Amino acid sequence: MDVLSNLKYAEGSKKKRKRIGRGVGSGHGKTSTRGMNGQGSRSGSGVRAWFEGGQMPIQRRLPKFGFTNPGRIEFQVLNLGKLQSFFDKGKVSDQNLNPETLYKLGIISNGKMPLKILGEGDFKQKLEISAHKFSKTALDKIEKSGGKAITL
């Protein structure tokens, strides 16, 4: 007869909590599952992830290297091949392009970063394009197609 007072949990669904440090007879007494003596057996134990047991740590053994140029200007790049693909898809029809219009059209992702035009890919569009910098191959391709490159 199933009465609320006779209900029991299914076999194996309830697990007993491990009670450590409650005598040798419990199976978890004496060292309380902490192994032998030493730093790991003490309360509050543990070392930093990069600690090497007192040995000179690797970040102090290896020399410093490199240099960060404070005057470096990071450019956002646009290849002429990618620009040509936008013309082919019909997304761009304007013959005068500058960083602001390229940003509004979604061709470049940052409107505030300086723009550099690179010459990778085929380009056969006659247009006037303004950018902060041009590669030599980009300049050649733009001028070959009858366009004009204006440096800002």
Protein backbone atom coordinates (compact mmCIF):
# COMPACT_ATOMS: atom_id res chain seq x y z
CA MET A 1 0.00 0.00 0.00
CA ASP A 2 1.55 3.34 -1.14
CA VAL A 3 1.08 5.79 1.66
CA LEU A 4 3.10 9.00 1.96
CA SER A 5 4.74 7.69 5.13
CA ASN A 6 6.04 4.60 3.24
CA LEU A 7 7.72 6.48 0.34
CA LYS A 8 11.51 6.03 0.04
CA TYR A 9 14.14 7.40 -2.29
CA ALA A 10 15.21 5.15 -5.16
CA GLU A 11 18.17 2.88 -4.46
CA GLY A 12 21.45 4.78 -5.02
CA SER A 13 19.85 8.18 -5.60
CA LYS A 14 20.90 9.60 -2.22
CA LYS A 15 24.63 9.65 -1.46
CA LYS A 16 25.98 9.96 2.08
CA ARG A 17 28.26 12.89 2.81
CA LYS A 18 31.92 11.99 3.32
CA ARG A 19 32.69 12.77 6.98
CA ILE A 20 36.45 13.04 7.28
CA GLY A 21 38.46 13.19 10.49
CA ARG A 22 35.97 11.13 12.52
CA GLY A 23 38.20 8.28 13.65
CA VAL A 24 40.22 5.49 12.04
CA GLY A 25 37.17 3.21 11.84
CA SER A 26 35.45 5.55 9.39
CA GLY A 27 38.13 4.96 6.76
CA HIS A 28 38.73 8.70 6.60
CA GLY A 29 40.45 9.23 9.93
CA LYS A 30 44.05 9.89 10.94
CA THR A 31 45.27 12.04 7.99
CA SER A 32 41.73 12.84 6.82
CA THR A 33 42.32 11.95 3.13
CA ARG A 34 45.22 14.44 2.90
CA GLY A 35 47.94 11.87 2.28
CA MET A 36 51.14 11.99 4.30
CA ASN A 37 52.62 14.92 6.23
CA GLY A 38 53.88 18.11 4.60
CA GLN A 39 52.62 21.38 3.23
CA GLY A 40 49.61 19.84 1.48
CA SER A 41 48.34 18.29 4.72
CA ARG A 42 48.15 21.58 6.59
CA SER A 43 45.14 23.87 6.61
CA GLY A 44 45.35 26.88 4.30
CA SER A 45 47.94 25.08 2.20
CA GLY A 46 48.66 25.61 -1.44
CA VAL A 47 51.18 27.51 -3.51
CA ARG A 48 50.91 30.03 -6.31
CA ALA A 49 50.47 28.54 -9.77
CA TRP A 50 53.97 29.71 -10.85
CA PHE A 51 55.75 28.70 -7.61
CA GLU A 52 58.69 26.38 -8.26
CA GLY A 53 59.53 25.21 -4.74
CA GLY A 54 61.99 27.99 -3.97
CA GLN A 55 63.94 27.50 -7.20
CA MET A 56 64.56 30.71 -9.18
CA PRO A 57 61.29 31.10 -11.13
CA ILE A 58 61.29 31.02 -14.94
CA GLN A 59 60.08 34.61 -15.27
CA ARG A 60 63.20 35.71 -13.39
CA ARG A 61 65.60 33.27 -15.10
CA LEU A 62 64.72 34.47 -18.61
CA PRO A 63 65.91 37.90 -19.77
CA LYS A 64 63.60 40.74 -20.72
CA PHE A 65 63.25 41.34 -24.45
CA GLY A 66 61.32 43.36 -26.96
CA PHE A 67 60.36 46.97 -27.32
CA THR A 68 57.07 48.81 -27.58
CA ASN A 69 57.29 51.81 -29.86
CA PRO A 70 55.30 54.66 -28.28
CA GLY A 71 55.04 56.46 -31.65
CA ARG A 72 53.57 53.51 -33.57
CA ILE A 73 50.52 54.25 -35.68
CA GLU A 74 48.24 51.28 -36.20
CA PHE A 75 46.40 51.33 -39.52
CA GLN A 76 43.18 49.69 -40.53
CA VAL A 77 43.87 47.96 -43.86
CA LEU A 78 41.66 47.51 -46.92
CA ASN A 79 42.72 45.50 -49.95
CA LEU A 80 41.70 46.70 -53.40
CA GLY A 81 40.42 43.17 -54.20
CA LYS A 82 37.92 43.40 -51.35
CA LEU A 83 36.84 46.85 -52.50
CA GLN A 84 36.38 45.51 -56.05
CA SER A 85 34.16 42.69 -54.73
CA PHE A 86 31.87 45.32 -53.14
CA PHE A 87 31.63 47.08 -56.51
CA ASP A 88 30.86 43.75 -58.24
CA LYS A 89 28.05 42.99 -55.77
CA GLY A 90 26.57 46.46 -56.36
CA LYS A 91 26.95 47.60 -52.73
CA VAL A 92 29.17 50.52 -53.78
CA SER A 93 28.40 52.81 -56.70
CA ASP A 94 30.04 56.05 -55.54
CA GLN A 95 33.13 57.17 -57.49
CA ASN A 96 34.52 59.30 -54.64
CA LEU A 97 35.39 57.20 -51.59
CA ASN A 98 36.85 58.29 -48.26
CA PRO A 99 37.15 56.59 -44.84
CA GLU A 100 33.82 58.04 -43.63
CA THR A 101 31.82 56.69 -46.58
CA LEU A 102 33.61 53.33 -46.41
CA TYR A 103 32.67 53.12 -42.72
CA LYS A 104 29.03 54.02 -43.39
CA LEU A 105 28.87 51.34 -46.12
CA GLY A 106 30.26 48.75 -43.66
CA ILE A 107 33.42 48.04 -45.67
CA ILE A 108 35.73 49.06 -42.82
CA SER A 109 34.94 48.39 -39.17
CA ASN A 110 36.40 51.46 -37.44
CA GLY A 111 35.68 55.02 -38.54
CA LYS A 112 38.26 56.62 -36.22
CA MET A 113 41.33 54.49 -37.08
CA PRO A 114 43.61 55.69 -39.92
CA LEU A 115 43.08 53.77 -43.18
CA LYS A 116 45.74 52.19 -45.40
CA ILE A 117 44.86 50.85 -48.85
CA LEU A 118 46.78 47.73 -49.92
CA GLY A 119 47.09 46.43 -53.47
CA GLU A 120 46.18 42.76 -53.08
CA GLY A 121 43.63 41.40 -55.59
CA ASP A 122 42.33 42.55 -58.99
CA PHE A 123 41.10 46.11 -59.37
CA LYS A 124 39.57 47.63 -62.51
CA GLN A 125 37.38 50.43 -61.15
CA LYS A 126 37.94 54.09 -62.06
CA LEU A 127 37.46 56.04 -58.85
CA GLU A 128 38.84 58.74 -56.61
CA ILE A 129 39.76 57.30 -53.21
CA SER A 130 41.02 59.12 -50.12
CA ALA A 131 42.98 57.36 -47.38
CA HIS A 132 45.71 58.09 -44.86
CA LYS A 133 48.26 55.85 -46.58
CA PHE A 134 48.63 53.76 -49.77
CA SER A 135 50.97 50.90 -50.61
CA LYS A 136 53.02 51.20 -53.84
CA THR A 137 51.10 48.37 -55.53
CA ALA A 138 47.78 49.97 -54.56
CA LEU A 139 48.86 53.31 -56.04
CA ASP A 140 49.95 51.58 -59.28
CA LYS A 141 46.68 49.68 -59.62
CA ILE A 142 44.51 52.73 -58.92
CA GLU A 143 46.41 54.86 -61.46
CA LYS A 144 46.40 52.05 -64.07
CA SER A 145 42.60 51.83 -63.84
CA GLY A 146 42.35 55.59 -64.45
CA GLY A 147 41.56 56.52 -60.84
CA LYS A 148 43.10 58.92 -58.39
CA ALA A 149 44.58 58.30 -54.92
CA ILE A 150 44.43 61.17 -52.42
CA THR A 151 46.48 60.97 -49.22
CA LEU A 152 44.78 62.59 -46.23
